[in-house]
Amino acid sequence: MNGDEQLLRGRVYGRDHDDPDPGPLPHRTYAALMGGPLDGLLLDITDREPEEAEDGVALATELSRWPGGRALYDPDPAEPRRPGPGVTCRFHYTGDAP
């Protein structure tokens, strides 16, 4: 794991990189992003309906195959989402979109 990858690990997607504490908050619910350009980041899914989370996400990133594109992540239906705050599920990288 290189230095850039270590910087991403445990951070929350969308939080400011200059935030002195870019990690998860204890009362929020997160999905761990697995693989791809956002591997190691957490995605805050607290305010998403369960159906929304089941559809997966397209996250804007400059690290995707296309600059300004989106990295696609989907939950694994074989991995049920745990209830409660904290990291409750994992979203796996499925590709990039422009």
C-alpha atoms as a PDB file:
ATOM      1  CA  MET A   1       0.000   0.000   0.000  1.00  0.00           C
ATOM      2  CA  ASN A   2       1.505   3.328  -1.033  1.00  0.00           C
ATOM      3  CA  GLY A   3       1.295   6.611   0.919  1.00  0.00           C
ATOM      4  CA  ASP A   4      -1.727   7.912  -1.008  1.00  0.00           C
ATOM      5  CA  GLU A   5      -3.655   4.712  -0.314  1.00  0.00           C
ATOM      6  CA  GLN A   6      -2.804   4.929   3.392  1.00  0.00           C
ATOM      7  CA  LEU A   7      -4.158   8.493   3.500  1.00  0.00           C
ATOM      8  CA  LEU A   8      -7.535   7.311   2.169  1.00  0.00           C
ATOM      9  CA  ARG A   9      -7.956   4.377   4.549  1.00  0.00           C
ATOM     10  CA  GLY A  10     -10.620   5.037   7.198  1.00  0.00           C
ATOM     11  CA  ARG A  11     -11.657   8.431   5.785  1.00  0.00           C
ATOM     12  CA  VAL A  12     -15.220   9.246   4.862  1.00  0.00           C
ATOM     13  CA  TYR A  13     -15.942   9.863   1.166  1.00  0.00           C
ATOM     14  CA  GLY A  14     -16.901  13.488   0.596  1.00  0.00           C
ATOM     15  CA  ARG A  15     -15.396  14.859   3.807  1.00  0.00           C
ATOM     16  CA  ASP A  16     -12.886  17.675   3.360  1.00  0.00           C
ATOM     17  CA  HIS A  17      -9.287  16.432   3.079  1.00  0.00           C
ATOM     18  CA  ASP A  18      -8.197  19.304   5.329  1.00  0.00           C
ATOM     19  CA  ASP A  19     -10.650  18.253   8.056  1.00  0.00           C
ATOM     20  CA  PRO A  20      -8.572  17.515  11.179  1.00  0.00           C
ATOM     21  CA  ASP A  21     -10.796  14.478  11.847  1.00  0.00           C
ATOM     22  CA  PRO A  22     -11.997  13.090   8.474  1.00  0.00           C
ATOM     23  CA  GLY A  23     -12.923   9.745   9.997  1.00  0.00           C
ATOM     24  CA  PRO A  24     -16.316   8.276  10.865  1.00  0.00           C
ATOM     25  CA  LEU A  25     -18.642   9.733  13.492  1.00  0.00           C
ATOM     26  CA  PRO A  26     -19.985   7.324  16.130  1.00  0.00           C
ATOM     27  CA  HIS A  27     -23.681   8.024  15.483  1.00  0.00           C
ATOM     28  CA  ARG A  28     -23.539   7.618  11.670  1.00  0.00           C
ATOM     29  CA  THR A  29     -23.868   4.484   9.483  1.00  0.00           C
ATOM     30  CA  TYR A  30     -21.239   3.629   6.864  1.00  0.00           C
ATOM     31  CA  ALA A  31     -20.495   1.240   4.018  1.00  0.00           C
ATOM     32  CA  ALA A  32     -16.842   0.278   3.521  1.00  0.00           C
ATOM     33  CA  LEU A  33     -15.734   0.769  -0.103  1.00  0.00           C
ATOM     34  CA  MET A  34     -13.816  -2.286  -1.302  1.00  0.00           C
ATOM     35  CA  GLY A  35     -11.474  -2.239  -4.300  1.00  0.00           C
ATOM     36  CA  GLY A  36     -11.156   0.290  -7.088  1.00  0.00           C
ATOM     37  CA  PRO A  37     -10.004   3.881  -6.803  1.00  0.00           C
ATOM     38  CA  LEU A  38     -11.817   4.587  -3.517  1.00  0.00           C
ATOM     39  CA  ASP A  39     -10.708   1.411  -1.718  1.00  0.00           C
ATOM     40  CA  GLY A  40     -10.509   1.961   2.013  1.00  0.00           C
ATOM     41  CA  LEU A  41     -12.883   4.928   2.154  1.00  0.00           C
ATOM     42  CA  LEU A  42     -16.148   4.838   4.066  1.00  0.00           C
ATOM     43  CA  LEU A  43     -19.421   6.019   2.532  1.00  0.00           C
ATOM     44  CA  ASP A  44     -21.973   7.631   4.856  1.00  0.00           C
ATOM     45  CA  ILE A  45     -25.291   5.837   4.211  1.00  0.00           C
ATOM     46  CA  THR A  46     -27.095   7.087   7.329  1.00  0.00           C
ATOM     47  CA  ASP A  47     -29.767   9.044   5.447  1.00  0.00           C
ATOM     48  CA  ARG A  48     -30.259   6.571   2.585  1.00  0.00           C
ATOM     49  CA  GLU A  49     -33.280   4.344   2.421  1.00  0.00           C
ATOM     50  CA  PRO A  50     -32.332   0.634   2.457  1.00  0.00           C
ATOM     51  CA  GLU A  51     -33.570   0.301  -1.144  1.00  0.00           C
ATOM     52  CA  GLU A  52     -31.224   3.102  -2.228  1.00  0.00           C
ATOM     53  CA  ALA A  53     -28.228   1.374  -0.678  1.00  0.00           C
ATOM     54  CA  GLU A  54     -29.192  -1.905  -2.367  1.00  0.00           C
ATOM     55  CA  ASP A  55     -29.027  -0.189  -5.784  1.00  0.00           C
ATOM     56  CA  GLY A  56     -25.354   0.716  -5.304  1.00  0.00           C
ATOM     57  CA  VAL A  57     -23.710   4.068  -5.900  1.00  0.00           C
ATOM     58  CA  ALA A  58     -21.836   6.029  -8.573  1.00  0.00           C
ATOM     59  CA  LEU A  59     -19.320   8.231  -6.774  1.00  0.00           C
ATOM     60  CA  ALA A  60     -17.629  11.179  -8.470  1.00  0.00           C
ATOM     61  CA  THR A  61     -13.838  10.945  -8.315  1.00  0.00           C
ATOM     62  CA  GLU A  62     -10.788  12.191 -10.164  1.00  0.00           C
ATOM     63  CA  LEU A  63      -9.246   8.772  -9.480  1.00  0.00           C
ATOM     64  CA  SER A  64     -11.550   6.870 -11.829  1.00  0.00           C
ATOM     65  CA  ARG A  65     -10.613   5.717 -15.314  1.00  0.00           C
ATOM     66  CA  TRP A  66     -12.091   8.939 -16.690  1.00  0.00           C
ATOM     67  CA  PRO A  67     -11.059  12.207 -15.005  1.00  0.00           C
ATOM     68  CA  GLY A  68     -14.223  13.680 -13.552  1.00  0.00           C
ATOM     69  CA  GLY A  69     -15.929  10.313 -13.924  1.00  0.00           C
ATOM     70  CA  ARG A  70     -17.585   8.045 -11.423  1.00  0.00           C
ATOM     71  CA  ALA A  71     -16.514   4.901  -9.616  1.00  0.00           C
ATOM     72  CA  LEU A  72     -19.317   2.335  -9.356  1.00  0.00           C
ATOM     73  CA  TYR A  73     -19.831   0.350  -6.141  1.00  0.00           C
ATOM     74  CA  ASP A  74     -22.508  -2.237  -5.365  1.00  0.00           C
ATOM     75  CA  PRO A  75     -23.375  -4.173  -2.228  1.00  0.00           C
ATOM     76  CA  ASP A  76     -23.040  -7.945  -2.302  1.00  0.00           C
ATOM     77  CA  PRO A  77     -26.515  -9.436  -1.755  1.00  0.00           C
ATOM     78  CA  ALA A  78     -24.871 -12.353   0.065  1.00  0.00           C
ATOM     79  CA  GLU A  79     -23.543  -9.932   2.705  1.00  0.00           C
ATOM     80  CA  PRO A  80     -26.519  -8.656   4.704  1.00  0.00           C
ATOM     81  CA  ARG A  81     -26.378  -5.156   6.155  1.00  0.00           C
ATOM     82  CA  ARG A  82     -26.047  -5.099   9.939  1.00  0.00           C
ATOM     83  CA  PRO A  83     -28.370  -2.717  11.788  1.00  0.00           C
ATOM     84  CA  GLY A  84     -27.105   0.249  13.758  1.00  0.00           C
ATOM     85  CA  PRO A  85     -24.349   2.834  13.522  1.00  0.00           C
ATOM     86  CA  GLY A  86     -20.782   2.116  12.473  1.00  0.00           C
ATOM     87  CA  VAL A  87     -19.637   0.175   9.411  1.00  0.00           C
ATOM     88  CA  THR A  88     -22.636  -2.012   8.625  1.00  0.00           C
ATOM     89  CA  CYS A  89     -21.866  -3.330   5.123  1.00  0.00           C
ATOM     90  CA  ARG A  90     -19.402  -3.334   2.241  1.00  0.00           C
ATOM     91  CA  PHE A  91     -19.798  -1.968  -1.278  1.00  0.00           C
ATOM     92  CA  HIS A  92     -17.592  -3.634  -3.900  1.00  0.00           C
ATOM     93  CA  TYR A  93     -16.071  -1.872  -6.902  1.00  0.00           C
ATOM     94  CA  THR A  94     -17.723  -2.853 -10.185  1.00  0.00           C
ATOM     95  CA  GLY A  95     -16.155  -0.402 -12.665  1.00  0.00           C
ATOM     96  CA  ASP A  96     -16.012   3.206 -13.830  1.00  0.00           C
ATOM     97  CA  ALA A  97     -18.364   5.422 -15.800  1.00  0.00           C
ATOM     98  CA  PRO A  98     -17.657   8.726 -17.570  1.00  0.00           C
END
